Amino acid sequence: MTASRHEREACLAAAYALFEAARRQGDRLAAWHHLERAHIVAQPMLGAHLRSHGYMLRYAIEVRDVRELAGQILRIGLALIGSLAEKLPVGNTGRARISAFAPMPVTSDLEKFV
């Protein structure tokens, strides 16, 4: 069963709220985890996909992660091209530390969003 747009937007809102909470607490690992989950959910929708990379870019700047910052700039362009070409790697978490082209396993709670 595929998720409705409403379910997808609710899941994204929850992931971004959890990201913000982890960010405020200084828990970088949890913050990135929630951004990665948001990316997986957002990937099928161009605007939401670009927004997920925008969140990652801003967080990379905030935590002064130059590698992630550069990777997110590249991924914003790739997200646009991949969406238009309908060639997106399912389950990819969107981080700079992994290949932008590698499909990845999806956790069971996110399967309906891919």
PDB file of N, CA and C in Angstrom:
ATOM      1  N   MET A   1       0.839  -1.191   0.000  1.00  0.00           N
ATOM      2  CA  MET A   1       0.000   0.000   0.000  1.00  0.00           C
ATOM      3  C   MET A   1       0.880   1.248   0.000  1.00  0.00           C
ATOM      4  N   THR A   2       0.595   2.151  -0.890  1.00  0.00           N
ATOM      5  CA  THR A   2       1.346   3.394  -0.994  1.00  0.00           C
ATOM      6  C   THR A   2       0.708   4.458  -0.105  1.00  0.00           C
ATOM      7  N   ALA A   3       1.545   5.268   0.483  1.00  0.00           N
ATOM      8  CA  ALA A   3       1.064   6.324   1.377  1.00  0.00           C
ATOM      9  C   ALA A   3       0.391   7.441   0.590  1.00  0.00           C
ATOM     10  N   SER A   4      -0.595   8.059   1.193  1.00  0.00           N
ATOM     11  CA  SER A   4      -1.237   9.220   0.590  1.00  0.00           C
ATOM     12  C   SER A   4      -0.329  10.442   0.777  1.00  0.00           C
ATOM     13  N   ARG A   5      -0.624  11.467   0.045  1.00  0.00           N
ATOM     14  CA  ARG A   5       0.138  12.713   0.177  1.00  0.00           C
ATOM     15  C   ARG A   5       0.038  13.246   1.613  1.00  0.00           C
ATOM     16  N   HIS A   6      -1.150  13.138   2.193  1.00  0.00           N
ATOM     17  CA  HIS A   6      -1.358  13.599   3.569  1.00  0.00           C
ATOM     18  C   HIS A   6      -0.477  12.803   4.546  1.00  0.00           C
ATOM     19  N   GLU A   7      -0.431  11.488   4.381  1.00  0.00           N
ATOM     20  CA  GLU A   7       0.411  10.652   5.247  1.00  0.00           C
ATOM     21  C   GLU A   7       1.888  11.005   5.080  1.00  0.00           C
ATOM     22  N   ARG A   8       2.292  11.242   3.827  1.00  0.00           N
ATOM     23  CA  ARG A   8       3.691  11.598   3.553  1.00  0.00           C
ATOM     24  C   ARG A   8       4.040  12.930   4.218  1.00  0.00           C
ATOM     25  N   GLU A   9       3.161  13.909   4.079  1.00  0.00           N
ATOM     26  CA  GLU A   9       3.414  15.220   4.676  1.00  0.00           C
ATOM     27  C   GLU A   9       3.437  15.147   6.199  1.00  0.00           C
ATOM     28  N   ALA A  10       2.574  14.321   6.778  1.00  0.00           N
ATOM     29  CA  ALA A  10       2.567  14.148   8.238  1.00  0.00           C
ATOM     30  C   ALA A  10       3.862  13.486   8.703  1.00  0.00           C
ATOM     31  N   CYS A  11       4.319  12.493   7.960  1.00  0.00           N
ATOM     32  CA  CYS A  11       5.569  11.814   8.310  1.00  0.00           C
ATOM     33  C   CYS A  11       6.743  12.788   8.216  1.00  0.00           C
ATOM     34  N   LEU A  12       6.754  13.602   7.168  1.00  0.00           N
ATOM     35  CA  LEU A  12       7.831  14.595   7.019  1.00  0.00           C
ATOM     36  C   LEU A  12       7.797  15.607   8.162  1.00  0.00           C
ATOM     37  N   ALA A  13       6.613  16.096   8.497  1.00  0.00           N
ATOM     38  CA  ALA A  13       6.500  17.062   9.592  1.00  0.00           C
ATOM     39  C   ALA A  13       7.030  16.465  10.889  1.00  0.00           C
ATOM     40  N   ALA A  14       6.704  15.205  11.144  1.00  0.00           N
ATOM     41  CA  ALA A  14       7.187  14.537  12.361  1.00  0.00           C
ATOM     42  C   ALA A  14       8.703  14.380  12.332  1.00  0.00           C
ATOM     43  N   ALA A  15       9.249  13.977  11.187  1.00  0.00           N
ATOM     44  CA  ALA A  15      10.709  13.797  11.073  1.00  0.00           C
ATOM     45  C   ALA A  15      11.435  15.122  11.284  1.00  0.00           C
ATOM     46  N   TYR A  16      10.909  16.200  10.706  1.00  0.00           N
ATOM     47  CA  TYR A  16      11.561  17.507  10.882  1.00  0.00           C
ATOM     48  C   TYR A  16      11.425  18.009  12.317  1.00  0.00           C
ATOM     49  N   ALA A  17      10.304  17.713  12.973  1.00  0.00           N
ATOM     50  CA  ALA A  17      10.144  18.096  14.387  1.00  0.00           C
ATOM     51  C   ALA A  17      11.141  17.330  15.255  1.00  0.00           C
ATOM     52  N   LEU A  18      11.309  16.038  14.975  1.00  0.00           N
ATOM     53  CA  LEU A  18      12.282  15.242  15.728  1.00  0.00           C
ATOM     54  C   LEU A  18      13.704  15.711  15.451  1.00  0.00           C
ATOM     55  N   PHE A  19      13.979  16.100  14.203  1.00  0.00           N
ATOM     56  CA  PHE A  19      15.287  16.672  13.868  1.00  0.00           C
ATOM     57  C   PHE A  19      15.531  17.928  14.699  1.00  0.00           C
ATOM     58  N   GLU A  20      14.559  18.822  14.732  1.00  0.00           N
ATOM     59  CA  GLU A  20      14.718  20.083  15.474  1.00  0.00           C
ATOM     60  C   GLU A  20      14.947  19.825  16.958  1.00  0.00           C
ATOM     61  N   ALA A  21      14.223  18.870  17.510  1.00  0.00           N
ATOM     62  CA  ALA A  21      14.394  18.548  18.932  1.00  0.00           C
ATOM     63  C   ALA A  21      15.808  18.019  19.187  1.00  0.00           C
ATOM     64  N   ALA A  22      16.276  17.113  18.343  1.00  0.00           N
ATOM     65  CA  ALA A  22      17.632  16.563  18.503  1.00  0.00           C
ATOM     66  C   ALA A  22      18.674  17.652  18.296  1.00  0.00           C
ATOM     67  N   ARG A  23      18.442  18.519  17.330  1.00  0.00           N
ATOM     68  CA  ARG A  23      19.361  19.629  17.052  1.00  0.00           C
ATOM     69  C   ARG A  23      19.485  20.537  18.273  1.00  0.00           C
ATOM     70  N   ARG A  24      18.354  20.889  18.866  1.00  0.00           N
ATOM     71  CA  ARG A  24      18.368  21.757  20.054  1.00  0.00           C
ATOM     72  C   ARG A  24      19.086  21.103  21.225  1.00  0.00           C
ATOM     73  N   GLN A  25      18.994  19.781  21.318  1.00  0.00           N
ATOM     74  CA  GLN A  25      19.659  19.048  22.397  1.00  0.00           C
ATOM     75  C   GLN A  25      21.132  18.782  22.095  1.00  0.00           C
ATOM     76  N   GLY A  26      21.573  19.136  20.903  1.00  0.00           N
ATOM     77  CA  GLY A  26      22.963  18.908  20.530  1.00  0.00           C
ATOM     78  C   GLY A  26      23.278  17.467  20.160  1.00  0.00           C
ATOM     79  N   ASP A  27      22.264  16.688  19.851  1.00  0.00           N
ATOM     80  CA  ASP A  27      22.452  15.281  19.489  1.00  0.00           C
ATOM     81  C   ASP A  27      22.572  15.168  17.973  1.00  0.00           C
ATOM     82  N   ARG A  28      23.788  15.329  17.474  1.00  0.00           N
ATOM     83  CA  ARG A  28      24.018  15.323  16.029  1.00  0.00           C
ATOM     84  C   ARG A  28      23.639  14.004  15.379  1.00  0.00           C
ATOM     85  N   LEU A  29      23.952  12.895  16.022  1.00  0.00           N
ATOM     86  CA  LEU A  29      23.640  11.586  15.451  1.00  0.00           C
ATOM     87  C   LEU A  29      22.131  11.439  15.231  1.00  0.00           C
ATOM     88  N   ALA A  30      21.353  11.788  16.233  1.00  0.00           N
ATOM     89  CA  ALA A  30      19.898  11.704  16.105  1.00  0.00           C
ATOM     90  C   ALA A  30      19.380  12.716  15.089  1.00  0.00           C
ATOM     91  N   ALA A  31      19.947  13.908  15.079  1.00  0.00           N
ATOM     92  CA  ALA A  31      19.513  14.929  14.120  1.00  0.00           C
ATOM     93  C   ALA A  31      19.695  14.435  12.689  1.00  0.00           C
ATOM     94  N   TRP A  32      20.870  13.898  12.385  1.00  0.00           N
ATOM     95  CA  TRP A  32      21.115  13.380  11.032  1.00  0.00           C
ATOM     96  C   TRP A  32      20.189  12.203  10.733  1.00  0.00           C
ATOM     97  N   HIS A  33      19.963  11.354  11.718  1.00  0.00           N
ATOM     98  CA  HIS A  33      19.083  10.202  11.528  1.00  0.00           C
ATOM     99  C   HIS A  33      17.694  10.658  11.067  1.00  0.00           C
ATOM    100  N   HIS A  34      17.151  11.674  11.705  1.00  0.00           N
ATOM    101  CA  HIS A  34      15.816  12.150  11.348  1.00  0.00           C
ATOM    102  C   HIS A  34      15.821  12.845   9.986  1.00  0.00           C
ATOM    103  N   LEU A  35      16.897  13.525   9.647  1.00  0.00           N
ATOM    104  CA  LEU A  35      16.991  14.121   8.308  1.00  0.00           C
ATOM    105  C   LEU A  35      17.086  13.050   7.233  1.00  0.00           C
ATOM    106  N   GLU A  36      17.804  11.977   7.522  1.00  0.00           N
ATOM    107  CA  GLU A  36      17.906  10.871   6.561  1.00  0.00           C
ATOM    108  C   GLU A  36      16.539  10.228   6.326  1.00  0.00           C
ATOM    109  N   ARG A  37      15.786  10.017   7.388  1.00  0.00           N
ATOM    110  CA  ARG A  37      14.442   9.436   7.261  1.00  0.00           C
ATOM    111  C   ARG A  37      13.536  10.379   6.467  1.00  0.00           C
ATOM    112  N   ALA A  38      13.642  11.670   6.718  1.00  0.00           N
ATOM    113  CA  ALA A  38      12.851  12.633   5.952  1.00  0.00           C
ATOM    114  C   ALA A  38      13.216  12.550   4.474  1.00  0.00           C
ATOM    115  N   HIS A  39      14.492  12.411   4.168  1.00  0.00           N
ATOM    116  CA  HIS A  39      14.924  12.322   2.777  1.00  0.00           C
ATOM    117  C   HIS A  39      14.296  11.119   2.080  1.00  0.00           C
ATOM    118  N   ILE A  40      14.290   9.981   2.741  1.00  0.00           N
ATOM    119  CA  ILE A  40      13.707   8.771   2.145  1.00  0.00           C
ATOM    120  C   ILE A  40      12.222   8.993   1.829  1.00  0.00           C
ATOM    121  N   VAL A  41      11.510   9.604   2.745  1.00  0.00           N
ATOM    122  CA  VAL A  41      10.082   9.862   2.561  1.00  0.00           C
ATOM    123  C   VAL A  41       9.845  10.922   1.484  1.00  0.00           C
ATOM    124  N   ALA A  42      10.691  11.935   1.431  1.00  0.00           N
ATOM    125  CA  ALA A  42      10.514  13.060   0.514  1.00  0.00           C
ATOM    126  C   ALA A  42      10.921  12.741  -0.921  1.00  0.00           C
ATOM    127  N   GLN A  43      11.778  11.779  -1.104  1.00  0.00           N
ATOM    128  CA  GLN A  43      12.407  11.537  -2.406  1.00  0.00           C
ATOM    129  C   GLN A  43      11.441  11.462  -3.593  1.00  0.00           C
ATOM    130  N   PRO A  44      10.281  10.840  -3.489  1.00  0.00           N
ATOM    131  CA  PRO A  44       9.400  10.759  -4.666  1.00  0.00           C
ATOM    132  C   PRO A  44       8.749  12.085  -5.096  1.00  0.00           C
ATOM    133  N   MET A  45       8.824  13.120  -4.266  1.00  0.00           N
ATOM    134  CA  MET A  45       8.198  14.408  -4.589  1.00  0.00           C
ATOM    135  C   MET A  45       9.294  15.468  -4.729  1.00  0.00           C
ATOM    136  N   LEU A  46       9.439  16.037  -5.916  1.00  0.00           N
ATOM    137  CA  LEU A  46      10.559  16.936  -6.198  1.00  0.00           C
ATOM    138  C   LEU A  46      10.700  18.055  -5.168  1.00  0.00           C
ATOM    139  N   GLY A  47       9.643  18.785  -4.885  1.00  0.00           N
ATOM    140  CA  GLY A  47       9.746  19.905  -3.940  1.00  0.00           C
ATOM    141  C   GLY A  47      10.175  19.453  -2.556  1.00  0.00           C
ATOM    142  N   ALA A  48       9.558  18.393  -2.078  1.00  0.00           N
ATOM    143  CA  ALA A  48       9.905  17.864  -0.756  1.00  0.00           C
ATOM    144  C   ALA A  48      11.327  17.309  -0.754  1.00  0.00           C
ATOM    145  N   HIS A  49      11.722  16.692  -1.859  1.00  0.00           N
ATOM    146  CA  HIS A  49      13.075  16.142  -1.975  1.00  0.00           C
ATOM    147  C   HIS A  49      14.110  17.270  -1.891  1.00  0.00           C
ATOM    148  N   LEU A  50      13.886  18.332  -2.648  1.00  0.00           N
ATOM    149  CA  LEU A  50      14.811  19.473  -2.601  1.00  0.00           C
ATOM    150  C   LEU A  50      14.826  20.097  -1.209  1.00  0.00           C
ATOM    151  N   ARG A  51      13.659  20.176  -0.586  1.00  0.00           N
ATOM    152  CA  ARG A  51      13.590  20.734   0.775  1.00  0.00           C
ATOM    153  C   ARG A  51      14.401  19.882   1.752  1.00  0.00           C
ATOM    154  N   SER A  52      14.361  18.558   1.593  1.00  0.00           N
ATOM    155  CA  SER A  52      15.119  17.689   2.501  1.00  0.00           C
ATOM    156  C   SER A  52      16.620  17.966   2.370  1.00  0.00           C
ATOM    157  N   HIS A  53      17.077  18.184   1.145  1.00  0.00           N
ATOM    158  CA  HIS A  53      18.496  18.509   0.959  1.00  0.00           C
ATOM    159  C   HIS A  53      18.806  19.916   1.483  1.00  0.00           C
ATOM    160  N   GLY A  54      17.826  20.816   1.410  1.00  0.00           N
ATOM    161  CA  GLY A  54      18.010  22.147   1.994  1.00  0.00           C
ATOM    162  C   GLY A  54      18.208  22.069   3.502  1.00  0.00           C
ATOM    163  N   TYR A  55      17.422  21.246   4.164  1.00  0.00           N
ATOM    164  CA  TYR A  55      17.595  21.031   5.606  1.00  0.00           C
ATOM    165  C   TYR A  55      18.998  20.490   5.885  1.00  0.00           C
ATOM    166  N   MET A  56      19.413  19.494   5.089  1.00  0.00           N
ATOM    167  CA  MET A  56      20.738  18.899   5.300  1.00  0.00           C
ATOM    168  C   MET A  56      21.846  19.923   5.062  1.00  0.00           C
ATOM    169  N   LEU A  57      21.684  20.742   4.034  1.00  0.00           N
ATOM    170  CA  LEU A  57      22.674  21.780   3.733  1.00  0.00           C
ATOM    171  C   LEU A  57      22.781  22.771   4.890  1.00  0.00           C
ATOM    172  N   ARG A  58      21.639  23.248   5.367  1.00  0.00           N
ATOM    173  CA  ARG A  58      21.662  24.211   6.482  1.00  0.00           C
ATOM    174  C   ARG A  58      22.276  23.595   7.743  1.00  0.00           C
ATOM    175  N   TYR A  59      21.958  22.327   8.009  1.00  0.00           N
ATOM    176  CA  TYR A  59      22.524  21.689   9.191  1.00  0.00           C
ATOM    177  C   TYR A  59      24.026  21.480   9.029  1.00  0.00           C
ATOM    178  N   ALA A  60      24.458  21.114   7.840  1.00  0.00           N
ATOM    179  CA  ALA A  60      25.901  20.957   7.582  1.00  0.00           C
ATOM    180  C   ALA A  60      26.627  22.276   7.840  1.00  0.00           C
ATOM    181  N   ILE A  61      26.033  23.373   7.427  1.00  0.00           N
ATOM    182  CA  ILE A  61      26.628  24.697   7.675  1.00  0.00           C
ATOM    183  C   ILE A  61      26.669  24.951   9.182  1.00  0.00           C
ATOM    184  N   GLU A  62      25.564  24.674   9.859  1.00  0.00           N
ATOM    185  CA  GLU A  62      25.477  24.922  11.301  1.00  0.00           C
ATOM    186  C   GLU A  62      26.539  24.152  12.080  1.00  0.00           C
ATOM    187  N   VAL A  63      26.757  22.893  11.702  1.00  0.00           N
ATOM    188  CA  VAL A  63      27.724  22.071  12.442  1.00  0.00           C
ATOM    189  C   VAL A  63      29.119  22.126  11.820  1.00  0.00           C
ATOM    190  N   ARG A  64      29.268  22.969  10.810  1.00  0.00           N
ATOM    191  CA  ARG A  64      30.567  23.205  10.145  1.00  0.00           C
ATOM    192  C   ARG A  64      31.182  21.931   9.573  1.00  0.00           C
ATOM    193  N   ASP A  65      30.331  21.171   8.891  1.00  0.00           N
ATOM    194  CA  ASP A  65      30.766  19.940   8.241  1.00  0.00           C
ATOM    195  C   ASP A  65      30.962  20.245   6.755  1.00  0.00           C
ATOM    196  N   VAL A  66      32.199  20.563   6.384  1.00  0.00           N
ATOM    197  CA  VAL A  66      32.513  20.997   5.019  1.00  0.00           C
ATOM    198  C   VAL A  66      32.223  19.896   4.003  1.00  0.00           C
ATOM    199  N   ARG A  67      32.564  18.663   4.344  1.00  0.00           N
ATOM    200  CA  ARG A  67      32.304  17.547   3.425  1.00  0.00           C
ATOM    201  C   ARG A  67      30.807  17.398   3.150  1.00  0.00           C
ATOM    202  N   GLU A  68      30.009  17.479   4.198  1.00  0.00           N
ATOM    203  CA  GLU A  68      28.557  17.355   4.037  1.00  0.00           C
ATOM    204  C   GLU A  68      27.996  18.543   3.273  1.00  0.00           C
ATOM    205  N   LEU A  69      28.500  19.728   3.555  1.00  0.00           N
ATOM    206  CA  LEU A  69      28.054  20.928   2.856  1.00  0.00           C
ATOM    207  C   LEU A  69      28.276  20.780   1.356  1.00  0.00           C
ATOM    208  N   ALA A  70      29.482  20.397   0.955  1.00  0.00           N
ATOM    209  CA  ALA A  70      29.792  20.219  -0.466  1.00  0.00           C
ATOM    210  C   ALA A  70      28.924  19.129  -1.076  1.00  0.00           C
ATOM    211  N   GLY A  71      28.744  18.046  -0.337  1.00  0.00           N
ATOM    212  CA  GLY A  71      27.914  16.952  -0.828  1.00  0.00           C
ATOM    213  C   GLY A  71      26.468  17.353  -1.018  1.00  0.00           C
ATOM    214  N   GLN A  72      25.952  18.183  -0.131  1.00  0.00           N
ATOM    215  CA  GLN A  72      24.558  18.616  -0.259  1.00  0.00           C
ATOM    216  C   GLN A  72      24.377  19.577  -1.435  1.00  0.00           C
ATOM    217  N   ILE A  73      25.341  20.413  -1.688  1.00  0.00           N
ATOM    218  CA  ILE A  73      25.258  21.290  -2.869  1.00  0.00           C
ATOM    219  C   ILE A  73      25.165  20.430  -4.130  1.00  0.00           C
ATOM    220  N   LEU A  74      26.014  19.418  -4.216  1.00  0.00           N
ATOM    221  CA  LEU A  74      25.983  18.502  -5.360  1.00  0.00           C
ATOM    222  C   LEU A  74      24.649  17.776  -5.423  1.00  0.00           C
ATOM    223  N   ARG A  75      24.162  17.297  -4.299  1.00  0.00           N
ATOM    224  CA  ARG A  75      22.926  16.511  -4.275  1.00  0.00           C
ATOM    225  C   ARG A  75      21.687  17.331  -4.617  1.00  0.00           C
ATOM    226  N   ILE A  76      21.705  18.608  -4.362  1.00  0.00           N
ATOM    227  CA  ILE A  76      20.565  19.438  -4.756  1.00  0.00           C
ATOM    228  C   ILE A  76      20.424  19.408  -6.280  1.00  0.00           C
ATOM    229  N   GLY A  77      21.536  19.533  -6.982  1.00  0.00           N
ATOM    230  CA  GLY A  77      21.506  19.432  -8.447  1.00  0.00           C
ATOM    231  C   GLY A  77      21.119  18.038  -8.911  1.00  0.00           C
ATOM    232  N   LEU A  78      21.686  17.035  -8.270  1.00  0.00           N
ATOM    233  CA  LEU A  78      21.377  15.655  -8.657  1.00  0.00           C
ATOM    234  C   LEU A  78      19.923  15.303  -8.376  1.00  0.00           C
ATOM    235  N   ALA A  79      19.355  15.852  -7.304  1.00  0.00           N
ATOM    236  CA  ALA A  79      17.950  15.586  -6.974  1.00  0.00           C
ATOM    237  C   ALA A  79      17.041  16.091  -8.088  1.00  0.00           C
ATOM    238  N   LEU A  80      17.344  17.252  -8.602  1.00  0.00           N
ATOM    239  CA  LEU A  80      16.549  17.816  -9.688  1.00  0.00           C
ATOM    240  C   LEU A  80      16.662  16.948 -10.941  1.00  0.00           C
ATOM    241  N   ILE A  81      17.878  16.617 -11.312  1.00  0.00           N
ATOM    242  CA  ILE A  81      18.102  15.796 -12.512  1.00  0.00           C
ATOM    243  C   ILE A  81      17.489  14.405 -12.335  1.00  0.00           C
ATOM    244  N   GLY A  82      17.740  13.773 -11.192  1.00  0.00           N
ATOM    245  CA  GLY A  82      17.214  12.438 -10.939  1.00  0.00           C
ATOM    246  C   GLY A  82      15.704  12.393 -10.938  1.00  0.00           C
ATOM    247  N   SER A  83      15.080  13.418 -10.375  1.00  0.00           N
ATOM    248  CA  SER A  83      13.618  13.465 -10.353  1.00  0.00           C
ATOM    249  C   SER A  83      13.059  13.605 -11.765  1.00  0.00           C
ATOM    250  N   LEU A  84      13.637  14.493 -12.541  1.00  0.00           N
ATOM    251  CA  LEU A  84      13.163  14.700 -13.912  1.00  0.00           C
ATOM    252  C   LEU A  84      13.377  13.461 -14.771  1.00  0.00           C
ATOM    253  N   ALA A  85      14.478  12.755 -14.549  1.00  0.00           N
ATOM    254  CA  ALA A  85      14.783  11.541 -15.314  1.00  0.00           C
ATOM    255  C   ALA A  85      14.123  10.301 -14.712  1.00  0.00           C
ATOM    256  N   GLU A  86      13.463  10.470 -13.558  1.00  0.00           N
ATOM    257  CA  GLU A  86      12.845   9.357 -12.827  1.00  0.00           C
ATOM    258  C   GLU A  86      13.860   8.261 -12.530  1.00  0.00           C
ATOM    259  N   LYS A  87      15.037   8.668 -12.096  1.00  0.00           N
ATOM    260  CA  LYS A  87      16.130   7.749 -11.751  1.00  0.00           C
ATOM    261  C   LYS A  87      16.641   8.088 -10.352  1.00  0.00           C
ATOM    262  N   LEU A  88      15.850   7.780  -9.349  1.00  0.00           N
ATOM    263  CA  LEU A  88      16.237   8.043  -7.971  1.00  0.00           C
ATOM    264  C   LEU A  88      16.532   6.729  -7.257  1.00  0.00           C
ATOM    265  N   PRO A  89      17.624   6.667  -6.505  1.00  0.00           N
ATOM    266  CA  PRO A  89      17.964   5.428  -5.793  1.00  0.00           C
ATOM    267  C   PRO A  89      17.088   5.239  -4.553  1.00  0.00           C
ATOM    268  N   VAL A  90      16.181   4.302  -4.628  1.00  0.00           N
ATOM    269  CA  VAL A  90      15.219   4.045  -3.549  1.00  0.00           C
ATOM    270  C   VAL A  90      15.953   3.787  -2.235  1.00  0.00           C
ATOM    271  N   GLY A  91      15.476   4.439  -1.186  1.00  0.00           N
ATOM    272  CA  GLY A  91      16.017   4.220   0.149  1.00  0.00           C
ATOM    273  C   GLY A  91      17.286   4.988   0.465  1.00  0.00           C
ATOM    274  N   ASN A  92      17.842   5.663  -0.525  1.00  0.00           N
ATOM    275  CA  ASN A  92      19.081   6.415  -0.299  1.00  0.00           C
ATOM    276  C   ASN A  92      18.824   7.493   0.749  1.00  0.00           C
ATOM    277  N   THR A  93      19.714   7.599   1.723  1.00  0.00           N
ATOM    278  CA  THR A  93      19.502   8.522   2.843  1.00  0.00           C
ATOM    279  C   THR A  93      19.899   9.962   2.547  1.00  0.00           C
ATOM    280  N   GLY A  94      20.546  10.206   1.418  1.00  0.00           N
ATOM    281  CA  GLY A  94      20.841  11.566   1.007  1.00  0.00           C
ATOM    282  C   GLY A  94      22.077  12.198   1.610  1.00  0.00           C
ATOM    283  N   ARG A  95      22.835  11.462   2.403  1.00  0.00           N
ATOM    284  CA  ARG A  95      24.032  12.012   3.036  1.00  0.00           C
ATOM    285  C   ARG A  95      25.212  12.004   2.079  1.00  0.00           C
ATOM    286  N   ALA A  96      26.158  12.885   2.310  1.00  0.00           N
ATOM    287  CA  ALA A  96      27.348  13.000   1.471  1.00  0.00           C
ATOM    288  C   ALA A  96      28.306  11.832   1.677  1.00  0.00           C
ATOM    289  N   ARG A  97      28.176  11.127   2.767  1.00  0.00           N
ATOM    290  CA  ARG A  97      29.116  10.040   3.073  1.00  0.00           C
ATOM    291  C   ARG A  97      28.783   8.727   2.363  1.00  0.00           C
ATOM    292  N   ILE A  98      27.717   8.738   1.591  1.00  0.00           N
ATOM    293  CA  ILE A  98      27.362   7.561   0.806  1.00  0.00           C
ATOM    294  C   ILE A  98      27.170   7.982  -0.646  1.00  0.00           C
ATOM    295  N   SER A  99      27.218   7.037  -1.556  1.00  0.00           N
ATOM    296  CA  SER A  99      27.032   7.344  -2.974  1.00  0.00           C
ATOM    297  C   SER A  99      25.637   7.909  -3.207  1.00  0.00           C
ATOM    298  N   ALA A 100      25.566   8.951  -3.989  1.00  0.00           N
ATOM    299  CA  ALA A 100      24.279   9.554  -4.339  1.00  0.00           C
ATOM    300  C   ALA A 100      23.475   8.647  -5.266  1.00  0.00           C
ATOM    301  N   PHE A 101      24.103   7.608  -5.784  1.00  0.00           N
ATOM    302  CA  PHE A 101      23.452   6.741  -6.763  1.00  0.00           C
ATOM    303  C   PHE A 101      23.090   5.365  -6.198  1.00  0.00           C
ATOM    304  N   ALA A 102      23.429   5.110  -4.935  1.00  0.00           N
ATOM    305  CA  ALA A 102      23.234   3.784  -4.353  1.00  0.00           C
ATOM    306  C   ALA A 102      21.847   3.615  -3.748  1.00  0.00           C
ATOM    307  N   PRO A 103      21.081   2.631  -4.227  1.00  0.00           N
ATOM    308  CA  PRO A 103      19.842   2.310  -3.522  1.00  0.00           C
ATOM    309  C   PRO A 103      20.201   1.664  -2.182  1.00  0.00           C
ATOM    310  N   MET A 104      19.328   1.823  -1.207  1.00  0.00           N
ATOM    311  CA  MET A 104      19.597   1.296   0.131  1.00  0.00           C
ATOM    312  C   MET A 104      18.345   0.611   0.668  1.00  0.00           C
ATOM    313  N   PRO A 105      18.534  -0.296   1.628  1.00  0.00           N
ATOM    314  CA  PRO A 105      17.362  -0.949   2.234  1.00  0.00           C
ATOM    315  C   PRO A 105      16.488   0.086   2.936  1.00  0.00           C
ATOM    316  N   VAL A 106      15.202  -0.164   2.923  1.00  0.00           N
ATOM    317  CA  VAL A 106      14.235   0.734   3.558  1.00  0.00           C
ATOM    318  C   VAL A 106      13.656   0.024   4.776  1.00  0.00           C
ATOM    319  N   THR A 107      13.613   0.724   5.906  1.00  0.00           N
ATOM    320  CA  THR A 107      13.028   0.123   7.104  1.00  0.00           C
ATOM    321  C   THR A 107      11.534  -0.112   6.874  1.00  0.00           C
ATOM    322  N   SER A 108      10.998  -1.094   7.539  1.00  0.00           N
ATOM    323  CA  SER A 108       9.604  -1.496   7.310  1.00  0.00           C
ATOM    324  C   SER A 108       8.615  -0.353   7.557  1.00  0.00           C
ATOM    325  N   ASP A 109       8.924   0.540   8.495  1.00  0.00           N
ATOM    326  CA  ASP A 109       7.981   1.631   8.786  1.00  0.00           C
ATOM    327  C   ASP A 109       7.969   2.709   7.697  1.00  0.00           C
ATOM    328  N   LEU A 110       8.953   2.693   6.808  1.00  0.00           N
ATOM    329  CA  LEU A 110       8.984   3.689   5.717  1.00  0.00           C
ATOM    330  C   LEU A 110       8.665   3.084   4.354  1.00  0.00           C
ATOM    331  N   GLU A 111       8.461   1.771   4.290  1.00  0.00           N
ATOM    332  CA  GLU A 111       8.236   1.109   2.998  1.00  0.00           C
ATOM    333  C   GLU A 111       7.091   1.704   2.203  1.00  0.00           C
ATOM    334  N   LYS A 112       6.021   2.112   2.867  1.00  0.00           N
ATOM    335  CA  LYS A 112       4.873   2.630   2.135  1.00  0.00           C
ATOM    336  C   LYS A 112       5.134   3.993   1.497  1.00  0.00           C
ATOM    337  N   PHE A 113       6.268   4.622   1.831  1.00  0.00           N
ATOM    338  CA  PHE A 113       6.580   5.933   1.273  1.00  0.00           C
ATOM    339  C   PHE A 113       7.479   5.892   0.044  1.00  0.00           C
ATOM    340  N   VAL A 114       8.040   4.729  -0.255  1.00  0.00           N
ATOM    341  CA  VAL A 114       8.966   4.647  -1.397  1.00  0.00           C
ATOM    342  C   VAL A 114       8.295   4.119  -2.642  1.00  0.00           C
TER     343      VAL A 114
END
